[in-house]
Amino acid sequence: MAEQSQMMNKQIAREQLANWRMMMALRPDDAEVIQNCASCLFTVGENEEAMKLYPTAYDLNHSSAAIAMNYGMVLKDLGRFAESASIVEHAYQMDPDYFYLRLGWAESLLRNGNWRDAWPLYDEARPMTKQGARNMLSLPNEVELWTGGPLKAPENKLLVIGEGGTGDRITYSRWLPELDKLGIQWTYFPDANPPIPGLQSLMERVPWLAGKVSKMGDKYEASHWTTVFSLPAAFEAIPTKIPKFPQFFLPDPEIK
């Protein structure tokens, strides 16, 4: 699916490239036109020519958050992380409430090891996927969002919902045992709608998740909710304190 999407994007970029070259010849000082041409070039793999145009567009219009972010993301893809961070921060400062710019800046902070600032920002920058996870289970309004800290009885039933891709739902589950240390009673709904093939059974085979994994259609009790993707922010994660999985995930015995 991803390869097909990339091929389609390249085809579209090739078709548009001639038009953007012509536009750039007619409007050589238009930063947006120059950036669009650069983006087409980068998409089809003409990186050297693209990287002559991106800084030109950025220099012509320093007040465009979109141009700055696109330039910063391309630098990131090229592995020029220090340059990328500087320009992405500039984009974020121009429009800090725009979720896409928050995500870009949060990723730069994560890459640079500044997790204390990054995770809360990253958590706030995913309103659609986070609320989408909540809506999947049709949680009533009285079930509150949990953002960290112990839960006192009788309000001590936390529902952790899967969010992100398959790898996210597995990787961030390492934080679930940390909930036990806070004395929190929790249940994990790892799957998506439609279901992710094999994910539910994989989670159900993990000994340290025994009895705490639920699936769509199961009944549950919850006073609070969060997503598995939000756990690092709730625990104020830093690079030197990442919990290990209590035990490795096990393959299906039938395919060992």
Protein backbone atom coordinates (compact mmCIF):
# COMPACT_ATOMS: atom_id res chain seq x y z
CA MET A 1 0.00 0.00 0.00
CA ALA A 2 2.77 2.47 0.94
CA GLU A 3 4.76 1.63 -2.20
CA GLN A 4 1.68 2.15 -4.38
CA SER A 5 1.08 5.53 -2.73
CA GLN A 6 4.69 6.58 -3.32
CA MET A 7 4.50 5.54 -6.96
CA MET A 8 1.28 7.51 -7.39
CA ASN A 9 2.81 10.60 -5.76
CA LYS A 10 5.83 10.38 -8.06
CA GLN A 11 3.60 10.08 -11.10
CA ILE A 12 1.55 13.12 -10.07
CA ALA A 13 4.75 15.10 -9.37
CA ARG A 14 6.18 14.23 -12.79
CA GLU A 15 2.97 15.41 -14.46
CA GLN A 16 2.98 18.70 -12.52
CA LEU A 17 6.68 19.45 -12.73
CA ALA A 18 6.61 21.00 -16.22
CA ASN A 19 3.79 23.33 -15.20
CA TRP A 20 5.63 24.48 -12.08
CA ARG A 21 8.83 25.07 -14.07
CA MET A 22 6.85 27.25 -16.47
CA MET A 23 5.20 29.12 -13.59
CA MET A 24 8.58 29.68 -11.96
CA ALA A 25 9.93 31.18 -15.19
CA LEU A 26 6.98 33.58 -15.27
CA ARG A 27 7.10 34.40 -11.55
CA PRO A 28 10.73 33.99 -10.47
CA ASP A 29 10.18 35.81 -7.15
CA ASP A 30 7.11 33.87 -6.03
CA ALA A 31 8.25 31.80 -3.02
CA GLU A 32 5.24 29.49 -3.09
CA VAL A 33 5.71 28.67 -6.77
CA ILE A 34 9.41 27.97 -6.18
CA GLN A 35 8.62 25.73 -3.23
CA ASN A 36 6.01 23.78 -5.21
CA CYS A 37 8.53 23.19 -7.97
CA ALA A 38 11.10 22.09 -5.40
CA SER A 39 8.60 19.68 -3.85
CA CYS A 40 7.91 18.06 -7.23
CA LEU A 41 11.63 17.72 -7.86
CA PHE A 42 12.22 16.17 -4.44
CA THR A 43 9.34 13.74 -4.91
CA VAL A 44 10.72 12.43 -8.21
CA GLY A 45 14.23 12.12 -6.75
CA GLU A 46 15.88 15.23 -8.20
CA ASN A 47 17.25 16.15 -4.78
CA GLU A 48 20.20 18.29 -5.88
CA GLU A 49 18.04 20.65 -7.93
CA ALA A 50 15.33 20.67 -5.28
CA MET A 51 17.79 21.71 -2.59
CA LYS A 52 18.81 24.72 -4.66
CA LEU A 53 15.19 25.89 -4.71
CA TYR A 54 14.00 25.21 -1.15
CA PRO A 55 16.37 27.72 0.52
CA THR A 56 15.51 30.27 -2.18
CA ALA A 57 11.80 29.97 -1.38
CA TYR A 58 12.52 30.14 2.35
CA ASP A 59 14.70 33.25 1.98
CA LEU A 60 12.08 34.97 -0.18
CA ASN A 61 9.30 34.43 2.37
CA HIS A 62 10.47 33.99 5.95
CA SER A 63 6.94 34.60 7.21
CA SER A 64 5.42 31.44 5.66
CA ALA A 65 5.12 28.64 8.21
CA ALA A 66 4.19 26.20 5.43
CA ILE A 67 7.32 26.91 3.39
CA ALA A 68 9.51 26.68 6.48
CA MET A 69 7.99 23.39 7.62
CA ASN A 70 8.23 21.78 4.19
CA TYR A 71 11.86 22.85 3.90
CA GLY A 72 12.57 21.55 7.41
CA MET A 73 10.92 18.20 6.72
CA VAL A 74 12.97 17.72 3.56
CA LEU A 75 16.17 18.47 5.49
CA LYS A 76 15.06 15.87 8.03
CA ASP A 77 14.50 13.28 5.30
CA LEU A 78 18.04 13.99 4.06
CA GLY A 79 19.46 13.41 7.53
CA ARG A 80 20.45 17.05 8.07
CA PHE A 81 18.85 17.09 11.51
CA ALA A 82 20.50 20.17 13.04
CA GLU A 83 19.48 22.37 10.10
CA SER A 84 16.04 20.82 10.08
CA ALA A 85 15.45 21.50 13.78
CA SER A 86 16.29 25.19 13.40
CA ILE A 87 13.89 25.74 10.50
CA VAL A 88 11.12 23.56 11.93
CA GLU A 89 11.30 25.53 15.18
CA HIS A 90 10.92 28.74 13.17
CA ALA A 91 7.80 27.30 11.50
CA TYR A 92 6.34 26.22 14.85
CA GLN A 93 6.94 29.62 16.45
CA MET A 94 4.99 31.30 13.66
CA ASP A 95 1.87 29.17 14.22
CA PRO A 96 2.20 27.09 17.43
CA ASP A 97 -1.49 26.15 17.51
CA TYR A 98 -1.43 24.31 14.16
CA PHE A 99 -1.22 20.59 14.94
CA TYR A 100 1.02 19.72 11.96
CA LEU A 101 3.63 22.26 13.04
CA ARG A 102 3.41 20.98 16.62
CA LEU A 103 4.06 17.45 15.40
CA GLY A 104 7.05 18.54 13.37
CA TRP A 105 8.63 20.46 16.24
CA ALA A 106 7.85 17.69 18.75
CA GLU A 107 9.57 15.14 16.50
CA SER A 108 12.65 17.38 16.36
CA LEU A 109 12.68 17.62 20.15
CA LEU A 110 12.35 13.84 20.46
CA ARG A 111 15.19 13.33 18.00
CA ASN A 112 17.40 15.69 20.01
CA GLY A 113 16.62 13.92 23.29
CA ASN A 114 14.50 16.70 24.80
CA TRP A 115 11.69 14.35 25.73
CA ARG A 116 10.35 16.34 28.68
CA ASP A 117 9.22 19.09 26.32
CA ALA A 118 8.51 16.84 23.36
CA TRP A 119 6.02 14.29 24.70
CA PRO A 120 3.43 16.73 26.08
CA LEU A 121 3.60 18.70 22.84
CA TYR A 122 3.36 15.53 20.77
CA ASP A 123 0.38 14.41 22.83
CA GLU A 124 -1.47 17.68 22.22
CA ALA A 125 -0.73 17.55 18.49
CA ARG A 126 -2.80 14.41 17.79
CA PRO A 127 -6.39 15.54 18.45
CA MET A 128 -7.88 13.61 15.54
CA THR A 129 -6.29 10.21 16.15
CA LYS A 130 -6.61 10.49 19.93
CA GLN A 131 -10.29 11.42 19.85
CA GLY A 132 -10.82 8.89 17.10
CA ALA A 133 -9.62 6.16 19.46
CA ARG A 134 -12.06 7.41 22.12
CA ASN A 135 -14.94 7.56 19.67
CA MET A 136 -14.26 4.01 18.51
CA LEU A 137 -15.50 2.78 21.89
CA SER A 138 -18.25 5.42 22.16
CA LEU A 139 -17.16 6.43 25.66
CA PRO A 140 -19.74 8.43 27.62
CA ASN A 141 -18.86 11.99 28.61
CA GLU A 142 -18.43 11.11 32.28
CA VAL A 143 -15.37 8.97 31.45
CA GLU A 144 -12.58 11.52 31.94
CA LEU A 145 -9.26 11.85 30.15
CA TRP A 146 -6.33 10.66 32.30
CA THR A 147 -3.12 12.64 31.94
CA GLY A 148 -1.00 11.05 34.66
CA GLY A 149 -0.78 10.39 38.38
CA PRO A 150 -2.57 7.90 40.69
CA LEU A 151 -6.31 7.33 40.59
CA LYS A 152 -8.14 7.07 43.89
CA ALA A 153 -10.93 4.61 44.59
CA PRO A 154 -13.71 4.30 43.62
CA GLU A 155 -12.63 6.17 40.46
CA ASN A 156 -9.78 3.83 39.67
CA LYS A 157 -10.56 2.12 36.40
CA LEU A 158 -8.47 3.25 33.46
CA LEU A 159 -9.24 2.28 29.88
CA VAL A 160 -6.16 2.39 27.62
CA ILE A 161 -7.08 2.44 23.93
CA GLY A 162 -4.86 1.58 21.00
CA GLU A 163 -3.70 4.46 18.81
CA GLY A 164 -1.35 4.71 15.86
CA GLY A 165 -0.03 1.90 13.73
CA THR A 166 0.61 -1.70 14.69
CA GLY A 167 4.14 -0.93 15.88
CA ASP A 168 2.90 1.93 18.07
CA ARG A 169 0.30 -0.25 19.76
CA ILE A 170 2.97 -2.84 20.55
CA THR A 171 5.92 -0.56 21.37
CA TYR A 172 4.10 1.78 23.74
CA SER A 173 2.50 -1.13 25.58
CA ARG A 174 5.81 -1.33 27.49
CA TRP A 175 4.39 1.49 29.65
CA LEU A 176 1.33 -0.48 30.75
CA PRO A 177 3.07 -2.24 33.68
CA GLU A 178 4.02 1.21 34.99
CA LEU A 179 0.31 1.70 35.70
CA ASP A 180 0.49 -1.17 38.19
CA LYS A 181 3.14 0.73 40.15
CA LEU A 182 0.62 3.55 40.59
CA GLY A 183 -2.01 1.11 41.82
CA ILE A 184 -4.20 1.80 38.80
CA GLN A 185 -6.67 -0.81 37.61
CA TRP A 186 -6.45 -0.81 33.84
CA THR A 187 -7.70 -2.53 30.71
CA TYR A 188 -6.08 -2.34 27.29
CA PHE A 189 -8.06 -2.30 24.03
CA PRO A 190 -5.18 -2.70 21.54
CA ASP A 191 -7.06 -3.27 18.30
CA ALA A 192 -8.53 -0.91 15.71
CA ASN A 193 -11.72 -0.79 13.68
CA PRO A 194 -11.40 -2.46 11.22
CA PRO A 195 -9.18 -4.92 13.11
CA ILE A 196 -5.43 -5.12 12.57
CA PRO A 197 -4.71 -8.72 11.48
CA GLY A 198 -3.07 -10.74 14.23
CA LEU A 199 -2.71 -7.92 16.75
CA GLN A 200 -5.41 -8.99 19.19
CA SER A 201 -4.19 -12.59 19.42
CA LEU A 202 -0.58 -11.38 19.77
CA MET A 203 -1.51 -9.25 22.78
CA GLU A 204 -3.55 -12.03 24.34
CA ARG A 205 -0.50 -14.35 24.29
CA VAL A 206 1.61 -11.96 26.40
CA PRO A 207 1.76 -13.27 30.00
CA TRP A 208 2.07 -9.83 31.60
CA LEU A 209 -1.08 -8.70 29.81
CA ALA A 210 -3.08 -11.76 30.85
CA GLY A 211 -6.60 -10.83 31.83
CA LYS A 212 -6.09 -7.16 30.97
CA VAL A 213 -6.58 -7.20 27.20
CA SER A 214 -10.06 -6.64 25.81
CA LYS A 215 -11.47 -6.60 22.31
CA MET A 216 -14.26 -4.84 20.50
CA GLY A 217 -17.62 -5.91 21.88
CA ASP A 218 -16.32 -6.74 25.37
CA LYS A 219 -17.92 -5.01 28.32
CA TYR A 220 -15.74 -2.67 30.35
CA GLU A 221 -15.83 -0.35 33.32
CA ALA A 222 -13.94 2.92 33.17
CA SER A 223 -13.72 6.13 35.15
CA HIS A 224 -10.89 7.47 32.96
CA TRP A 225 -9.40 6.85 29.53
CA THR A 226 -6.20 7.48 27.61
CA THR A 227 -4.42 5.98 24.61
CA VAL A 228 -1.33 3.81 24.60
CA PHE A 229 0.38 6.52 22.54
CA SER A 230 -0.18 9.01 25.38
CA LEU A 231 1.51 6.94 28.08
CA PRO A 232 5.04 8.37 27.61
CA ALA A 233 3.66 11.89 28.14
CA ALA A 234 1.70 10.78 31.20
CA PHE A 235 4.85 9.24 32.72
CA GLU A 236 7.08 12.17 31.69
CA ALA A 237 9.34 9.82 29.76
CA ILE A 238 13.01 10.62 29.21
CA PRO A 239 15.55 8.68 27.09
CA THR A 240 17.39 7.20 30.08
CA LYS A 241 14.27 5.80 31.74
CA ILE A 242 12.45 3.62 29.24
CA PRO A 243 10.80 0.56 30.79
CA LYS A 244 11.74 -2.82 29.37
CA PHE A 245 9.12 -5.31 28.29
CA PRO A 246 8.61 -7.77 31.17
CA GLN A 247 8.73 -10.56 28.58
CA PHE A 248 9.10 -10.73 24.83
CA PHE A 249 6.08 -11.12 22.62
CA LEU A 250 5.46 -14.69 21.50
CA PRO A 251 4.65 -15.86 17.98
CA ASP A 252 1.62 -17.96 17.23
CA PRO A 253 2.58 -21.55 18.17
CA GLU A 254 1.12 -22.78 14.89
CA ILE A 255 3.64 -20.83 12.84
CA LYS A 256 6.80 -21.25 14.97
